[in-house]
Amino acid sequence: MLPVCVMERWRGRVALVTGASVGIGAAIAVELVRLGMKVVGCARDIGKLQVCSEITNWISTEII
């Protein structure tokens, strides 16, 4: 994990993460939300994407 201060310049910006439902894509999406970014996640499996969205919702309310 990167320290929050390293990513401060990205806080509030929007990131598009493909493959955000599992694996590396999901981990990246969660980490970017933790660091204050708004994340748009794309994936083939909507059910898994919703699970990832629920995980990030308790981290932040900045989910698109």
PDB file of N, CA and C in Angstrom:
ATOM      1  N   MET A   1       0.831  -1.185   0.000  1.00  0.00           N
ATOM      2  CA  MET A   1       0.000   0.000   0.000  1.00  0.00           C
ATOM      3  C   MET A   1       0.877   1.250   0.000  1.00  0.00           C
ATOM      4  N   LEU A   2       0.443   2.225  -0.760  1.00  0.00           N
ATOM      5  CA  LEU A   2       1.139   3.505  -0.783  1.00  0.00           C
ATOM      6  C   LEU A   2       0.679   4.364   0.385  1.00  0.00           C
ATOM      7  N   PRO A   3       1.575   5.166   0.950  1.00  0.00           N
ATOM      8  CA  PRO A   3       1.132   6.104   1.979  1.00  0.00           C
ATOM      9  C   PRO A   3       0.180   7.126   1.377  1.00  0.00           C
ATOM     10  N   VAL A   4      -0.766   7.545   2.158  1.00  0.00           N
ATOM     11  CA  VAL A   4      -1.778   8.485   1.681  1.00  0.00           C
ATOM     12  C   VAL A   4      -1.139   9.775   1.185  1.00  0.00           C
ATOM     13  N   CYS A   5      -0.071  10.246   1.803  1.00  0.00           N
ATOM     14  CA  CYS A   5       0.551  11.510   1.391  1.00  0.00           C
ATOM     15  C   CYS A   5       1.091  11.444  -0.034  1.00  0.00           C
ATOM     16  N   VAL A   6       1.507  10.277  -0.496  1.00  0.00           N
ATOM     17  CA  VAL A   6       2.022  10.133  -1.860  1.00  0.00           C
ATOM     18  C   VAL A   6       0.921  10.388  -2.881  1.00  0.00           C
ATOM     19  N   MET A   7      -0.289  10.005  -2.561  1.00  0.00           N
ATOM     20  CA  MET A   7      -1.413  10.111  -3.488  1.00  0.00           C
ATOM     21  C   MET A   7      -2.279  11.339  -3.250  1.00  0.00           C
ATOM     22  N   GLU A   8      -1.865  12.228  -2.393  1.00  0.00           N
ATOM     23  CA  GLU A   8      -2.685  13.391  -2.043  1.00  0.00           C
ATOM     24  C   GLU A   8      -3.091  14.197  -3.279  1.00  0.00           C
ATOM     25  N   ARG A   9      -2.231  14.308  -4.257  1.00  0.00           N
ATOM     26  CA  ARG A   9      -2.558  15.098  -5.455  1.00  0.00           C
ATOM     27  C   ARG A   9      -3.685  14.487  -6.273  1.00  0.00           C
ATOM     28  N   TRP A  10      -3.985  13.215  -6.053  1.00  0.00           N
ATOM     29  CA  TRP A  10      -5.040  12.530  -6.799  1.00  0.00           C
ATOM     30  C   TRP A  10      -6.381  12.521  -6.053  1.00  0.00           C
ATOM     31  N   ARG A  11      -6.392  12.982  -4.805  1.00  0.00           N
ATOM     32  CA  ARG A  11      -7.629  12.974  -4.005  1.00  0.00           C
ATOM     33  C   ARG A  11      -8.735  13.736  -4.731  1.00  0.00           C
ATOM     34  N   GLY A  12      -9.905  13.105  -4.855  1.00  0.00           N
ATOM     35  CA  GLY A  12     -11.049  13.730  -5.494  1.00  0.00           C
ATOM     36  C   GLY A  12     -11.110  13.536  -7.001  1.00  0.00           C
ATOM     37  N   ARG A  13     -10.053  13.033  -7.590  1.00  0.00           N
ATOM     38  CA  ARG A  13     -10.062  12.776  -9.033  1.00  0.00           C
ATOM     39  C   ARG A  13     -10.757  11.450  -9.318  1.00  0.00           C
ATOM     40  N   VAL A  14     -11.042  11.219 -10.588  1.00  0.00           N
ATOM     41  CA  VAL A  14     -11.775  10.019 -10.986  1.00  0.00           C
ATOM     42  C   VAL A  14     -10.832   9.042 -11.688  1.00  0.00           C
ATOM     43  N   ALA A  15     -10.937   7.765 -11.312  1.00  0.00           N
ATOM     44  CA  ALA A  15     -10.151   6.708 -11.956  1.00  0.00           C
ATOM     45  C   ALA A  15     -11.104   5.687 -12.562  1.00  0.00           C
ATOM     46  N   LEU A  16     -10.772   5.209 -13.746  1.00  0.00           N
ATOM     47  CA  LEU A  16     -11.517   4.128 -14.390  1.00  0.00           C
ATOM     48  C   LEU A  16     -10.689   2.860 -14.239  1.00  0.00           C
ATOM     49  N   VAL A  17     -11.274   1.854 -13.579  1.00  0.00           N
ATOM     50  CA  VAL A  17     -10.574   0.593 -13.353  1.00  0.00           C
ATOM     51  C   VAL A  17     -11.315  -0.504 -14.094  1.00  0.00           C
ATOM     52  N   THR A  18     -10.634  -1.129 -15.042  1.00  0.00           N
ATOM     53  CA  THR A  18     -11.232  -2.260 -15.747  1.00  0.00           C
ATOM     54  C   THR A  18     -10.883  -3.533 -14.993  1.00  0.00           C
ATOM     55  N   GLY A  19     -11.779  -4.520 -15.093  1.00  0.00           N
ATOM     56  CA  GLY A  19     -11.563  -5.767 -14.361  1.00  0.00           C
ATOM     57  C   GLY A  19     -11.680  -5.565 -12.867  1.00  0.00           C
ATOM     58  N   ALA A  20     -12.548  -4.660 -12.449  1.00  0.00           N
ATOM     59  CA  ALA A  20     -12.628  -4.247 -11.048  1.00  0.00           C
ATOM     60  C   ALA A  20     -13.386  -5.218 -10.151  1.00  0.00           C
ATOM     61  N   SER A  21     -13.851  -6.330 -10.691  1.00  0.00           N
ATOM     62  CA  SER A  21     -14.660  -7.230  -9.862  1.00  0.00           C
ATOM     63  C   SER A  21     -13.830  -8.259  -9.101  1.00  0.00           C
ATOM     64  N   VAL A  22     -12.643  -8.606  -9.579  1.00  0.00           N
ATOM     65  CA  VAL A  22     -11.819  -9.631  -8.916  1.00  0.00           C
ATOM     66  C   VAL A  22     -10.333  -9.330  -9.094  1.00  0.00           C
ATOM     67  N   GLY A  23      -9.527  -9.985  -8.309  1.00  0.00           N
ATOM     68  CA  GLY A  23      -8.082  -9.950  -8.473  1.00  0.00           C
ATOM     69  C   GLY A  23      -7.449  -8.587  -8.344  1.00  0.00           C
ATOM     70  N   ILE A  24      -6.476  -8.341  -9.220  1.00  0.00           N
ATOM     71  CA  ILE A  24      -5.712  -7.092  -9.166  1.00  0.00           C
ATOM     72  C   ILE A  24      -6.605  -5.882  -9.397  1.00  0.00           C
ATOM     73  N   GLY A  25      -7.553  -5.988 -10.325  1.00  0.00           N
ATOM     74  CA  GLY A  25      -8.456  -4.869 -10.591  1.00  0.00           C
ATOM     75  C   GLY A  25      -9.258  -4.470  -9.363  1.00  0.00           C
ATOM     76  N   ALA A  26      -9.774  -5.468  -8.635  1.00  0.00           N
ATOM     77  CA  ALA A  26     -10.534  -5.188  -7.414  1.00  0.00           C
ATOM     78  C   ALA A  26      -9.637  -4.575  -6.348  1.00  0.00           C
ATOM     79  N   ALA A  27      -8.427  -5.094  -6.212  1.00  0.00           N
ATOM     80  CA  ALA A  27      -7.495  -4.562  -5.218  1.00  0.00           C
ATOM     81  C   ALA A  27      -7.130  -3.112  -5.537  1.00  0.00           C
ATOM     82  N   ILE A  28      -6.915  -2.826  -6.813  1.00  0.00           N
ATOM     83  CA  ILE A  28      -6.591  -1.450  -7.222  1.00  0.00           C
ATOM     84  C   ILE A  28      -7.767  -0.525  -6.940  1.00  0.00           C
ATOM     85  N   ALA A  29      -8.984  -0.968  -7.265  1.00  0.00           N
ATOM     86  CA  ALA A  29     -10.171  -0.144  -7.030  1.00  0.00           C
ATOM     87  C   ALA A  29     -10.327   0.186  -5.550  1.00  0.00           C
ATOM     88  N   VAL A  30     -10.174  -0.825  -4.701  1.00  0.00           N
ATOM     89  CA  VAL A  30     -10.306  -0.617  -3.259  1.00  0.00           C
ATOM     90  C   VAL A  30      -9.233   0.338  -2.752  1.00  0.00           C
ATOM     91  N   GLU A  31      -7.998   0.158  -3.209  1.00  0.00           N
ATOM     92  CA  GLU A  31      -6.901   1.015  -2.754  1.00  0.00           C
ATOM     93  C   GLU A  31      -7.086   2.461  -3.208  1.00  0.00           C
ATOM     94  N   LEU A  32      -7.548   2.655  -4.433  1.00  0.00           N
ATOM     95  CA  LEU A  32      -7.764   4.026  -4.914  1.00  0.00           C
ATOM     96  C   LEU A  32      -8.864   4.720  -4.123  1.00  0.00           C
ATOM     97  N   VAL A  33      -9.914   3.994  -3.775  1.00  0.00           N
ATOM     98  CA  VAL A  33     -10.977   4.573  -2.936  1.00  0.00           C
ATOM     99  C   VAL A  33     -10.409   4.917  -1.567  1.00  0.00           C
ATOM    100  N   ARG A  34      -9.599   4.026  -1.015  1.00  0.00           N
ATOM    101  CA  ARG A  34      -8.985   4.277   0.295  1.00  0.00           C
ATOM    102  C   ARG A  34      -8.131   5.541   0.263  1.00  0.00           C
ATOM    103  N   LEU A  35      -7.515   5.808  -0.876  1.00  0.00           N
ATOM    104  CA  LEU A  35      -6.658   6.982  -1.018  1.00  0.00           C
ATOM    105  C   LEU A  35      -7.425   8.245  -1.415  1.00  0.00           C
ATOM    106  N   GLY A  36      -8.753   8.155  -1.496  1.00  0.00           N
ATOM    107  CA  GLY A  36      -9.571   9.344  -1.711  1.00  0.00           C
ATOM    108  C   GLY A  36     -10.027   9.595  -3.134  1.00  0.00           C
ATOM    109  N   MET A  37      -9.786   8.661  -4.038  1.00  0.00           N
ATOM    110  CA  MET A  37     -10.227   8.845  -5.422  1.00  0.00           C
ATOM    111  C   MET A  37     -11.653   8.341  -5.604  1.00  0.00           C
ATOM    112  N   LYS A  38     -12.324   8.883  -6.589  1.00  0.00           N
ATOM    113  CA  LYS A  38     -13.620   8.386  -7.004  1.00  0.00           C
ATOM    114  C   LYS A  38     -13.343   7.341  -8.077  1.00  0.00           C
ATOM    115  N   VAL A  39     -13.939   6.162  -7.943  1.00  0.00           N
ATOM    116  CA  VAL A  39     -13.604   5.053  -8.837  1.00  0.00           C
ATOM    117  C   VAL A  39     -14.814   4.609  -9.637  1.00  0.00           C
ATOM    118  N   VAL A  40     -14.603   4.499 -10.940  1.00  0.00           N
ATOM    119  CA  VAL A  40     -15.592   3.895 -11.834  1.00  0.00           C
ATOM    120  C   VAL A  40     -15.044   2.519 -12.158  1.00  0.00           C
ATOM    121  N   GLY A  41     -15.772   1.486 -11.757  1.00  0.00           N
ATOM    122  CA  GLY A  41     -15.318   0.123 -11.995  1.00  0.00           C
ATOM    123  C   GLY A  41     -16.069  -0.518 -13.147  1.00  0.00           C
ATOM    124  N   CYS A  42     -15.329  -1.217 -14.000  1.00  0.00           N
ATOM    125  CA  CYS A  42     -15.922  -1.947 -15.126  1.00  0.00           C
ATOM    126  C   CYS A  42     -15.553  -3.416 -14.989  1.00  0.00           C
ATOM    127  N   ALA A  43     -16.522  -4.295 -15.282  1.00  0.00           N
ATOM    128  CA  ALA A  43     -16.256  -5.735 -15.213  1.00  0.00           C
ATOM    129  C   ALA A  43     -17.330  -6.479 -15.984  1.00  0.00           C
ATOM    130  N   ARG A  44     -17.025  -7.720 -16.312  1.00  0.00           N
ATOM    131  CA  ARG A  44     -17.999  -8.552 -17.025  1.00  0.00           C
ATOM    132  C   ARG A  44     -19.049  -9.138 -16.090  1.00  0.00           C
ATOM    133  N   ASP A  45     -18.690  -9.375 -14.829  1.00  0.00           N
ATOM    134  CA  ASP A  45     -19.602 -10.015 -13.883  1.00  0.00           C
ATOM    135  C   ASP A  45     -20.173  -8.964 -12.929  1.00  0.00           C
ATOM    136  N   ILE A  46     -21.408  -8.552 -13.188  1.00  0.00           N
ATOM    137  CA  ILE A  46     -22.031  -7.482 -12.400  1.00  0.00           C
ATOM    138  C   ILE A  46     -22.203  -7.878 -10.933  1.00  0.00           C
ATOM    139  N   GLY A  47     -22.454  -9.155 -10.680  1.00  0.00           N
ATOM    140  CA  GLY A  47     -22.614  -9.619  -9.300  1.00  0.00           C
ATOM    141  C   GLY A  47     -21.346  -9.425  -8.483  1.00  0.00           C
ATOM    142  N   LYS A  48     -20.211  -9.802  -9.052  1.00  0.00           N
ATOM    143  CA  LYS A  48     -18.929  -9.628  -8.361  1.00  0.00           C
ATOM    144  C   LYS A  48     -18.575  -8.159  -8.233  1.00  0.00           C
ATOM    145  N   LEU A  49     -18.947  -7.376  -9.224  1.00  0.00           N
ATOM    146  CA  LEU A  49     -18.681  -5.940  -9.172  1.00  0.00           C
ATOM    147  C   LEU A  49     -19.482  -5.293  -8.049  1.00  0.00           C
ATOM    148  N   GLN A  50     -20.697  -5.750  -7.838  1.00  0.00           N
ATOM    149  CA  GLN A  50     -21.516  -5.214  -6.749  1.00  0.00           C
ATOM    150  C   GLN A  50     -20.918  -5.566  -5.388  1.00  0.00           C
ATOM    151  N   VAL A  51     -20.342  -6.759  -5.270  1.00  0.00           N
ATOM    152  CA  VAL A  51     -19.676  -7.137  -4.020  1.00  0.00           C
ATOM    153  C   VAL A  51     -18.496  -6.209  -3.756  1.00  0.00           C
ATOM    154  N   CYS A  52     -17.707  -5.939  -4.789  1.00  0.00           N
ATOM    155  CA  CYS A  52     -16.576  -5.019  -4.651  1.00  0.00           C
ATOM    156  C   CYS A  52     -17.070  -3.622  -4.267  1.00  0.00           C
ATOM    157  N   SER A  53     -18.180  -3.204  -4.855  1.00  0.00           N
ATOM    158  CA  SER A  53     -18.754  -1.899  -4.537  1.00  0.00           C
ATOM    159  C   SER A  53     -19.179  -1.835  -3.071  1.00  0.00           C
ATOM    160  N   GLU A  54     -19.748  -2.909  -2.559  1.00  0.00           N
ATOM    161  CA  GLU A  54     -20.151  -2.945  -1.153  1.00  0.00           C
ATOM    162  C   GLU A  54     -18.942  -2.845  -0.234  1.00  0.00           C
ATOM    163  N   ILE A  55     -17.858  -3.496  -0.619  1.00  0.00           N
ATOM    164  CA  ILE A  55     -16.627  -3.421   0.182  1.00  0.00           C
ATOM    165  C   ILE A  55     -16.120  -1.991   0.225  1.00  0.00           C
ATOM    166  N   THR A  56     -16.118  -1.335  -0.920  1.00  0.00           N
ATOM    167  CA  THR A  56     -15.602   0.041  -0.951  1.00  0.00           C
ATOM    168  C   THR A  56     -16.555   1.028  -0.300  1.00  0.00           C
ATOM    169  N   ASN A  57     -17.832   0.719  -0.227  1.00  0.00           N
ATOM    170  CA  ASN A  57     -18.787   1.637   0.401  1.00  0.00           C
ATOM    171  C   ASN A  57     -18.493   1.849   1.874  1.00  0.00           C
ATOM    172  N   TRP A  58     -17.976   0.854   2.562  1.00  0.00           N
ATOM    173  CA  TRP A  58     -17.654   1.072   3.974  1.00  0.00           C
ATOM    174  C   TRP A  58     -16.342   1.831   4.125  1.00  0.00           C
ATOM    175  N   ILE A  59     -15.533   1.880   3.058  1.00  0.00           N
ATOM    176  CA  ILE A  59     -14.293   2.662   3.084  1.00  0.00           C
ATOM    177  C   ILE A  59     -14.605   4.138   2.838  1.00  0.00           C
ATOM    178  N   SER A  60     -15.497   4.393   1.883  1.00  0.00           N
ATOM    179  CA  SER A  60     -15.776   5.771   1.492  1.00  0.00           C
ATOM    180  C   SER A  60     -17.141   5.853   0.830  1.00  0.00           C
ATOM    181  N   THR A  61     -17.715   7.014   0.843  1.00  0.00           N
ATOM    182  CA  THR A  61     -18.982   7.213   0.142  1.00  0.00           C
ATOM    183  C   THR A  61     -18.758   7.838  -1.220  1.00  0.00           C
ATOM    184  N   GLU A  62     -17.511   7.911  -1.649  1.00  0.00           N
ATOM    185  CA  GLU A  62     -17.157   8.546  -2.909  1.00  0.00           C
ATOM    186  C   GLU A  62     -17.173   7.559  -4.079  1.00  0.00           C
ATOM    187  N   ILE A  63     -18.138   6.665  -4.146  1.00  0.00           N
ATOM    188  CA  ILE A  63     -18.231   5.669  -5.209  1.00  0.00           C
ATOM    189  C   ILE A  63     -19.165   6.192  -6.289  1.00  0.00           C
ATOM    190  N   ILE A  64     -18.746   6.048  -7.533  1.00  0.00           N
ATOM    191  CA  ILE A  64     -19.592   6.447  -8.662  1.00  0.00           C
ATOM    192  C   ILE A  64     -20.230   5.192  -9.212  1.00  0.00           C
TER     193      ILE A  64
END
